[in-house]
Amino acid sequence: MYLAKIRITLRPSILDPQGKAVQHAITTLGVGNVADVRMGKYVEVKIASGSEKEAREKTDEICRKLLANPVMEDFAYDLVRSE
């Protein structure tokens, strides 16, 4: 069993209005020196697999086909062996 810890973010060339709103809110709180905020998604998926290679293949497929929009988003993940 593996736990995939997946991070999905907008590509740097894509505008992030939610990130800009959060950045503005941070400034309103009086917290200075925040140059940029980018928002994203975090997903955990438990994968029953006999090998790390197979778990990586399944995680890639899940990300490419369902979780991330390949035109606008990038994804990265860490795999952790779990029970």
PDB file of N, CA and C in Angstrom:
ATOM      1  N   MET A   1       0.849  -1.168   0.000  1.00  0.00           N
ATOM      2  CA  MET A   1       0.000   0.000   0.000  1.00  0.00           C
ATOM      3  C   MET A   1       0.900   1.238   0.000  1.00  0.00           C
ATOM      4  N   TYR A   2       0.503   2.206  -0.812  1.00  0.00           N
ATOM      5  CA  TYR A   2       1.242   3.464  -0.906  1.00  0.00           C
ATOM      6  C   TYR A   2       0.290   4.637  -0.730  1.00  0.00           C
ATOM      7  N   LEU A   3       0.796   5.705  -0.147  1.00  0.00           N
ATOM      8  CA  LEU A   3       0.048   6.949  -0.024  1.00  0.00           C
ATOM      9  C   LEU A   3       0.690   7.959  -0.965  1.00  0.00           C
ATOM     10  N   ALA A   4      -0.099   8.440  -1.937  1.00  0.00           N
ATOM     11  CA  ALA A   4       0.378   9.472  -2.863  1.00  0.00           C
ATOM     12  C   ALA A   4      -0.070  10.821  -2.326  1.00  0.00           C
ATOM     13  N   LYS A   5       0.891  11.693  -2.052  1.00  0.00           N
ATOM     14  CA  LYS A   5       0.615  13.059  -1.589  1.00  0.00           C
ATOM     15  C   LYS A   5       0.814  13.973  -2.796  1.00  0.00           C
ATOM     16  N   ILE A   6      -0.305  14.412  -3.373  1.00  0.00           N
ATOM     17  CA  ILE A   6      -0.297  15.085  -4.671  1.00  0.00           C
ATOM     18  C   ILE A   6      -0.530  16.590  -4.503  1.00  0.00           C
ATOM     19  N   ARG A   7       0.314  17.384  -5.171  1.00  0.00           N
ATOM     20  CA  ARG A   7       0.176  18.838  -5.193  1.00  0.00           C
ATOM     21  C   ARG A   7      -0.116  19.273  -6.623  1.00  0.00           C
ATOM     22  N   ILE A   8      -1.182  20.032  -6.797  1.00  0.00           N
ATOM     23  CA  ILE A   8      -1.572  20.510  -8.117  1.00  0.00           C
ATOM     24  C   ILE A   8      -1.554  22.030  -8.079  1.00  0.00           C
ATOM     25  N   THR A   9      -0.821  22.637  -8.997  1.00  0.00           N
ATOM     26  CA  THR A   9      -0.691  24.094  -9.031  1.00  0.00           C
ATOM     27  C   THR A   9      -0.925  24.616 -10.439  1.00  0.00           C
ATOM     28  N   LEU A  10      -1.369  25.853 -10.506  1.00  0.00           N
ATOM     29  CA  LEU A  10      -1.492  26.500 -11.804  1.00  0.00           C
ATOM     30  C   LEU A  10      -0.109  26.708 -12.394  1.00  0.00           C
ATOM     31  N   ARG A  11       0.000  26.589 -13.691  1.00  0.00           N
ATOM     32  CA  ARG A  11       1.271  26.872 -14.355  1.00  0.00           C
ATOM     33  C   ARG A  11       1.630  28.343 -14.140  1.00  0.00           C
ATOM     34  N   PRO A  12       2.919  28.669 -14.097  1.00  0.00           N
ATOM     35  CA  PRO A  12       3.325  30.059 -13.837  1.00  0.00           C
ATOM     36  C   PRO A  12       2.743  31.071 -14.833  1.00  0.00           C
ATOM     37  N   SER A  13       2.468  30.654 -16.046  1.00  0.00           N
ATOM     38  CA  SER A  13       1.948  31.582 -17.052  1.00  0.00           C
ATOM     39  C   SER A  13       0.446  31.849 -16.914  1.00  0.00           C
ATOM     40  N   ILE A  14      -0.237  31.111 -16.040  1.00  0.00           N
ATOM     41  CA  ILE A  14      -1.689  31.252 -15.858  1.00  0.00           C
ATOM     42  C   ILE A  14      -1.957  32.231 -14.718  1.00  0.00           C
ATOM     43  N   LEU A  15      -2.845  33.206 -14.970  1.00  0.00           N
ATOM     44  CA  LEU A  15      -3.233  34.146 -13.921  1.00  0.00           C
ATOM     45  C   LEU A  15      -3.945  33.406 -12.797  1.00  0.00           C
ATOM     46  N   ASP A  16      -3.732  33.862 -11.565  1.00  0.00           N
ATOM     47  CA  ASP A  16      -4.314  33.215 -10.392  1.00  0.00           C
ATOM     48  C   ASP A  16      -5.115  34.244  -9.588  1.00  0.00           C
ATOM     49  N   PRO A  17      -6.373  34.494  -9.957  1.00  0.00           N
ATOM     50  CA  PRO A  17      -7.154  35.499  -9.239  1.00  0.00           C
ATOM     51  C   PRO A  17      -7.384  35.150  -7.770  1.00  0.00           C
ATOM     52  N   GLN A  18      -7.512  33.877  -7.445  1.00  0.00           N
ATOM     53  CA  GLN A  18      -7.684  33.485  -6.048  1.00  0.00           C
ATOM     54  C   GLN A  18      -6.415  33.814  -5.254  1.00  0.00           C
ATOM     55  N   GLY A  19      -5.268  33.541  -5.836  1.00  0.00           N
ATOM     56  CA  GLY A  19      -4.001  33.884  -5.190  1.00  0.00           C
ATOM     57  C   GLY A  19      -3.871  35.382  -4.961  1.00  0.00           C
ATOM     58  N   LYS A  20      -4.286  36.185  -5.951  1.00  0.00           N
ATOM     59  CA  LYS A  20      -4.234  37.648  -5.817  1.00  0.00           C
ATOM     60  C   LYS A  20      -5.165  38.117  -4.706  1.00  0.00           C
ATOM     61  N   ALA A  21      -6.356  37.509  -4.584  1.00  0.00           N
ATOM     62  CA  ALA A  21      -7.290  37.872  -3.524  1.00  0.00           C
ATOM     63  C   ALA A  21      -6.696  37.556  -2.150  1.00  0.00           C
ATOM     64  N   VAL A  22      -6.045  36.412  -2.020  1.00  0.00           N
ATOM     65  CA  VAL A  22      -5.416  36.032  -0.751  1.00  0.00           C
ATOM     66  C   VAL A  22      -4.254  36.978  -0.446  1.00  0.00           C
ATOM     67  N   GLN A  23      -3.476  37.318  -1.457  1.00  0.00           N
ATOM     68  CA  GLN A  23      -2.373  38.261  -1.269  1.00  0.00           C
ATOM     69  C   GLN A  23      -2.903  39.604  -0.766  1.00  0.00           C
ATOM     70  N   HIS A  24      -3.998  40.077  -1.357  1.00  0.00           N
ATOM     71  CA  HIS A  24      -4.608  41.332  -0.919  1.00  0.00           C
ATOM     72  C   HIS A  24      -5.073  41.225   0.536  1.00  0.00           C
ATOM     73  N   ALA A  25      -5.694  40.101   0.895  1.00  0.00           N
ATOM     74  CA  ALA A  25      -6.165  39.894   2.265  1.00  0.00           C
ATOM     75  C   ALA A  25      -5.002  39.877   3.254  1.00  0.00           C
ATOM     76  N   ILE A  26      -3.901  39.283   2.871  1.00  0.00           N
ATOM     77  CA  ILE A  26      -2.714  39.253   3.732  1.00  0.00           C
ATOM     78  C   ILE A  26      -2.225  40.673   3.978  1.00  0.00           C
ATOM     79  N   THR A  27      -2.189  41.477   2.922  1.00  0.00           N
ATOM     80  CA  THR A  27      -1.771  42.881   3.045  1.00  0.00           C
ATOM     81  C   THR A  27      -2.727  43.638   3.966  1.00  0.00           C
ATOM     82  N   THR A  28      -4.031  43.369   3.840  1.00  0.00           N
ATOM     83  CA  THR A  28      -5.037  44.010   4.676  1.00  0.00           C
ATOM     84  C   THR A  28      -4.839  43.662   6.152  1.00  0.00           C
ATOM     85  N   LEU A  29      -4.336  42.470   6.420  1.00  0.00           N
ATOM     86  CA  LEU A  29      -4.053  42.060   7.795  1.00  0.00           C
ATOM     87  C   LEU A  29      -2.847  42.785   8.388  1.00  0.00           C
ATOM     88  N   GLY A  30      -2.120  43.494   7.542  1.00  0.00           N
ATOM     89  CA  GLY A  30      -0.947  44.216   8.010  1.00  0.00           C
ATOM     90  C   GLY A  30       0.333  43.415   7.915  1.00  0.00           C
ATOM     91  N   VAL A  31       0.273  42.273   7.277  1.00  0.00           N
ATOM     92  CA  VAL A  31       1.474  41.462   7.092  1.00  0.00           C
ATOM     93  C   VAL A  31       2.162  41.944   5.820  1.00  0.00           C
ATOM     94  N   GLY A  32       3.368  42.451   5.946  1.00  0.00           N
ATOM     95  CA  GLY A  32       4.066  43.000   4.791  1.00  0.00           C
ATOM     96  C   GLY A  32       5.010  41.998   4.168  1.00  0.00           C
ATOM     97  N   ASN A  33       5.656  42.425   3.116  1.00  0.00           N
ATOM     98  CA  ASN A  33       6.703  41.661   2.434  1.00  0.00           C
ATOM     99  C   ASN A  33       6.207  40.383   1.767  1.00  0.00           C
ATOM    100  N   VAL A  34       4.921  40.299   1.421  1.00  0.00           N
ATOM    101  CA  VAL A  34       4.411  39.146   0.681  1.00  0.00           C
ATOM    102  C   VAL A  34       4.381  39.546  -0.783  1.00  0.00           C
ATOM    103  N   ALA A  35       5.277  38.967  -1.570  1.00  0.00           N
ATOM    104  CA  ALA A  35       5.435  39.369  -2.963  1.00  0.00           C
ATOM    105  C   ALA A  35       4.429  38.712  -3.893  1.00  0.00           C
ATOM    106  N   ASP A  36       4.040  37.476  -3.601  1.00  0.00           N
ATOM    107  CA  ASP A  36       3.140  36.768  -4.502  1.00  0.00           C
ATOM    108  C   ASP A  36       2.510  35.599  -3.761  1.00  0.00           C
ATOM    109  N   VAL A  37       1.274  35.263  -4.134  1.00  0.00           N
ATOM    110  CA  VAL A  37       0.582  34.098  -3.577  1.00  0.00           C
ATOM    111  C   VAL A  37       0.012  33.307  -4.747  1.00  0.00           C
ATOM    112  N   ARG A  38       0.249  32.019  -4.759  1.00  0.00           N
ATOM    113  CA  ARG A  38      -0.324  31.120  -5.759  1.00  0.00           C
ATOM    114  C   ARG A  38      -1.100  30.049  -5.009  1.00  0.00           C
ATOM    115  N   MET A  39      -2.317  29.791  -5.429  1.00  0.00           N
ATOM    116  CA  MET A  39      -3.157  28.794  -4.781  1.00  0.00           C
ATOM    117  C   MET A  39      -3.082  27.485  -5.569  1.00  0.00           C
ATOM    118  N   GLY A  40      -3.379  26.399  -4.884  1.00  0.00           N
ATOM    119  CA  GLY A  40      -3.352  25.100  -5.535  1.00  0.00           C
ATOM    120  C   GLY A  40      -4.234  24.117  -4.780  1.00  0.00           C
ATOM    121  N   LYS A  41      -4.069  22.845  -5.103  1.00  0.00           N
ATOM    122  CA  LYS A  41      -4.843  21.785  -4.467  1.00  0.00           C
ATOM    123  C   LYS A  41      -3.879  20.748  -3.903  1.00  0.00           C
ATOM    124  N   TYR A  42      -4.308  20.108  -2.835  1.00  0.00           N
ATOM    125  CA  TYR A  42      -3.556  19.014  -2.231  1.00  0.00           C
ATOM    126  C   TYR A  42      -4.500  17.828  -2.103  1.00  0.00           C
ATOM    127  N   VAL A  43      -4.074  16.671  -2.599  1.00  0.00           N
ATOM    128  CA  VAL A  43      -4.907  15.478  -2.585  1.00  0.00           C
ATOM    129  C   VAL A  43      -4.074  14.307  -2.082  1.00  0.00           C
ATOM    130  N   GLU A  44      -4.664  13.478  -1.229  1.00  0.00           N
ATOM    131  CA  GLU A  44      -4.019  12.235  -0.800  1.00  0.00           C
ATOM    132  C   GLU A  44      -4.811  11.060  -1.352  1.00  0.00           C
ATOM    133  N   VAL A  45      -4.107  10.091  -1.948  1.00  0.00           N
ATOM    134  CA  VAL A  45      -4.732   8.909  -2.515  1.00  0.00           C
ATOM    135  C   VAL A  45      -3.984   7.682  -2.014  1.00  0.00           C
ATOM    136  N   LYS A  46      -4.696   6.735  -1.423  1.00  0.00           N
ATOM    137  CA  LYS A  46      -4.081   5.469  -1.026  1.00  0.00           C
ATOM    138  C   LYS A  46      -4.206   4.508  -2.194  1.00  0.00           C
ATOM    139  N   ILE A  47      -3.082   3.913  -2.576  1.00  0.00           N
ATOM    140  CA  ILE A  47      -3.036   3.027  -3.735  1.00  0.00           C
ATOM    141  C   ILE A  47      -2.549   1.654  -3.285  1.00  0.00           C
ATOM    142  N   ALA A  48      -3.366   0.651  -3.522  1.00  0.00           N
ATOM    143  CA  ALA A  48      -2.967  -0.721  -3.222  1.00  0.00           C
ATOM    144  C   ALA A  48      -2.132  -1.214  -4.390  1.00  0.00           C
ATOM    145  N   SER A  49      -0.861  -1.400  -4.146  1.00  0.00           N
ATOM    146  CA  SER A  49       0.050  -1.797  -5.215  1.00  0.00           C
ATOM    147  C   SER A  49       1.181  -2.620  -4.631  1.00  0.00           C
ATOM    148  N   GLY A  50       1.651  -3.558  -5.432  1.00  0.00           N
ATOM    149  CA  GLY A  50       2.749  -4.413  -4.995  1.00  0.00           C
ATOM    150  C   GLY A  50       4.116  -3.797  -5.161  1.00  0.00           C
ATOM    151  N   SER A  51       4.212  -2.749  -5.996  1.00  0.00           N
ATOM    152  CA  SER A  51       5.519  -2.133  -6.227  1.00  0.00           C
ATOM    153  C   SER A  51       5.398  -0.623  -6.321  1.00  0.00           C
ATOM    154  N   GLU A  52       6.476   0.046  -6.013  1.00  0.00           N
ATOM    155  CA  GLU A  52       6.502   1.509  -6.114  1.00  0.00           C
ATOM    156  C   GLU A  52       6.329   1.953  -7.561  1.00  0.00           C
ATOM    157  N   LYS A  53       6.918   1.228  -8.485  1.00  0.00           N
ATOM    158  CA  LYS A  53       6.799   1.571  -9.910  1.00  0.00           C
ATOM    159  C   LYS A  53       5.333   1.573 -10.343  1.00  0.00           C
ATOM    160  N   GLU A  54       4.608   0.542  -9.961  1.00  0.00           N
ATOM    161  CA  GLU A  54       3.193   0.455 -10.323  1.00  0.00           C
ATOM    162  C   GLU A  54       2.390   1.578  -9.651  1.00  0.00           C
ATOM    163  N   ALA A  55       2.706   1.881  -8.391  1.00  0.00           N
ATOM    164  CA  ALA A  55       2.015   2.961  -7.683  1.00  0.00           C
ATOM    165  C   ALA A  55       2.277   4.302  -8.372  1.00  0.00           C
ATOM    166  N   ARG A  56       3.501   4.519  -8.854  1.00  0.00           N
ATOM    167  CA  ARG A  56       3.814   5.761  -9.583  1.00  0.00           C
ATOM    168  C   ARG A  56       3.033   5.837 -10.893  1.00  0.00           C
ATOM    169  N   GLU A  57       2.948   4.725 -11.595  1.00  0.00           N
ATOM    170  CA  GLU A  57       2.195   4.704 -12.855  1.00  0.00           C
ATOM    171  C   GLU A  57       0.729   5.024 -12.609  1.00  0.00           C
ATOM    172  N   LYS A  58       0.150   4.434 -11.566  1.00  0.00           N
ATOM    173  CA  LYS A  58      -1.251   4.697 -11.240  1.00  0.00           C
ATOM    174  C   LYS A  58      -1.457   6.149 -10.826  1.00  0.00           C
ATOM    175  N   THR A  59      -0.540   6.680 -10.032  1.00  0.00           N
ATOM    176  CA  THR A  59      -0.644   8.074  -9.593  1.00  0.00           C
ATOM    177  C   THR A  59      -0.548   9.020 -10.781  1.00  0.00           C
ATOM    178  N   ASP A  60       0.399   8.766 -11.687  1.00  0.00           N
ATOM    179  CA  ASP A  60       0.508   9.589 -12.900  1.00  0.00           C
ATOM    180  C   ASP A  60      -0.798   9.569 -13.687  1.00  0.00           C
ATOM    181  N   GLU A  61      -1.371   8.385 -13.858  1.00  0.00           N
ATOM    182  CA  GLU A  61      -2.603   8.250 -14.625  1.00  0.00           C
ATOM    183  C   GLU A  61      -3.752   9.015 -13.957  1.00  0.00           C
ATOM    184  N   ILE A  62      -3.880   8.896 -12.640  1.00  0.00           N
ATOM    185  CA  ILE A  62      -4.927   9.608 -11.907  1.00  0.00           C
ATOM    186  C   ILE A  62      -4.777  11.116 -12.085  1.00  0.00           C
ATOM    187  N   CYS A  63      -3.550  11.588 -11.977  1.00  0.00           N
ATOM    188  CA  CYS A  63      -3.296  13.032 -12.109  1.00  0.00           C
ATOM    189  C   CYS A  63      -3.579  13.518 -13.530  1.00  0.00           C
ATOM    190  N   ARG A  64      -3.062  12.802 -14.512  1.00  0.00           N
ATOM    191  CA  ARG A  64      -3.229  13.224 -15.908  1.00  0.00           C
ATOM    192  C   ARG A  64      -4.677  13.160 -16.374  1.00  0.00           C
ATOM    193  N   LYS A  65      -5.393  12.112 -15.971  1.00  0.00           N
ATOM    194  CA  LYS A  65      -6.738  11.892 -16.491  1.00  0.00           C
ATOM    195  C   LYS A  65      -7.852  12.544 -15.668  1.00  0.00           C
ATOM    196  N   LEU A  66      -7.583  12.855 -14.389  1.00  0.00           N
ATOM    197  CA  LEU A  66      -8.670  13.326 -13.544  1.00  0.00           C
ATOM    198  C   LEU A  66      -8.351  14.587 -12.745  1.00  0.00           C
ATOM    199  N   LEU A  67      -7.250  14.577 -12.018  1.00  0.00           N
ATOM    200  CA  LEU A  67      -7.032  15.640 -11.045  1.00  0.00           C
ATOM    201  C   LEU A  67      -6.491  16.946 -11.619  1.00  0.00           C
ATOM    202  N   ALA A  68      -5.618  16.868 -12.604  1.00  0.00           N
ATOM    203  CA  ALA A  68      -4.975  18.074 -13.129  1.00  0.00           C
ATOM    204  C   ALA A  68      -5.413  18.334 -14.562  1.00  0.00           C
ATOM    205  N   ASN A  69      -5.670  19.587 -14.856  1.00  0.00           N
ATOM    206  CA  ASN A  69      -5.949  20.015 -16.227  1.00  0.00           C
ATOM    207  C   ASN A  69      -4.595  20.264 -16.895  1.00  0.00           C
ATOM    208  N   PRO A  70      -4.178  19.429 -17.835  1.00  0.00           N
ATOM    209  CA  PRO A  70      -2.825  19.532 -18.389  1.00  0.00           C
ATOM    210  C   PRO A  70      -2.548  20.831 -19.143  1.00  0.00           C
ATOM    211  N   VAL A  71      -3.572  21.542 -19.530  1.00  0.00           N
ATOM    212  CA  VAL A  71      -3.387  22.818 -20.230  1.00  0.00           C
ATOM    213  C   VAL A  71      -3.008  23.925 -19.249  1.00  0.00           C
ATOM    214  N   MET A  72      -3.565  23.859 -18.033  1.00  0.00           N
ATOM    215  CA  MET A  72      -3.407  24.956 -17.079  1.00  0.00           C
ATOM    216  C   MET A  72      -2.631  24.606 -15.807  1.00  0.00           C
ATOM    217  N   GLU A  73      -2.499  23.320 -15.511  1.00  0.00           N
ATOM    218  CA  GLU A  73      -1.954  22.939 -14.212  1.00  0.00           C
ATOM    219  C   GLU A  73      -0.776  21.974 -14.335  1.00  0.00           C
ATOM    220  N   ASP A  74       0.093  22.051 -13.342  1.00  0.00           N
ATOM    221  CA  ASP A  74       1.186  21.103 -13.172  1.00  0.00           C
ATOM    222  C   ASP A  74       0.891  20.280 -11.923  1.00  0.00           C
ATOM    223  N   PHE A  75       1.476  19.097 -11.851  1.00  0.00           N
ATOM    224  CA  PHE A  75       1.328  18.301 -10.636  1.00  0.00           C
ATOM    225  C   PHE A  75       2.666  17.692 -10.252  1.00  0.00           C
ATOM    226  N   ALA A  76       2.773  17.441  -8.966  1.00  0.00           N
ATOM    227  CA  ALA A  76       3.947  16.752  -8.397  1.00  0.00           C
ATOM    228  C   ALA A  76       3.428  15.943  -7.224  1.00  0.00           C
ATOM    229  N   TYR A  77       4.146  14.890  -6.884  1.00  0.00           N
ATOM    230  CA  TYR A  77       3.683  14.063  -5.774  1.00  0.00           C
ATOM    231  C   TYR A  77       4.850  13.363  -5.106  1.00  0.00           C
ATOM    232  N   ASP A  78       4.590  12.948  -3.880  1.00  0.00           N
ATOM    233  CA  ASP A  78       5.498  12.104  -3.123  1.00  0.00           C
ATOM    234  C   ASP A  78       4.747  10.820  -2.819  1.00  0.00           C
ATOM    235  N   LEU A  79       5.442   9.705  -2.883  1.00  0.00           N
ATOM    236  CA  LEU A  79       4.862   8.414  -2.520  1.00  0.00           C
ATOM    237  C   LEU A  79       5.467   7.965  -1.196  1.00  0.00           C
ATOM    238  N   VAL A  80       4.584   7.533  -0.302  1.00  0.00           N
ATOM    239  CA  VAL A  80       5.029   7.043   0.994  1.00  0.00           C
ATOM    240  C   VAL A  80       4.432   5.668   1.193  1.00  0.00           C
ATOM    241  N   ARG A  81       5.257   4.725   1.553  1.00  0.00           N
ATOM    242  CA  ARG A  81       4.754   3.369   1.824  1.00  0.00           C
ATOM    243  C   ARG A  81       3.930   3.433   3.097  1.00  0.00           C
ATOM    244  N   SER A  82       2.718   2.888   3.052  1.00  0.00           N
ATOM    245  CA  SER A  82       1.846   2.923   4.236  1.00  0.00           C
ATOM    246  C   SER A  82       1.233   1.543   4.443  1.00  0.00           C
ATOM    247  N   GLU A  83       0.615   1.396   5.548  1.00  0.00           N
ATOM    248  CA  GLU A  83      -0.026   0.120   5.899  1.00  0.00           C
ATOM    249  C   GLU A  83      -1.517   0.219   5.703  1.00  0.00           C
TER     250      GLU A  83
END
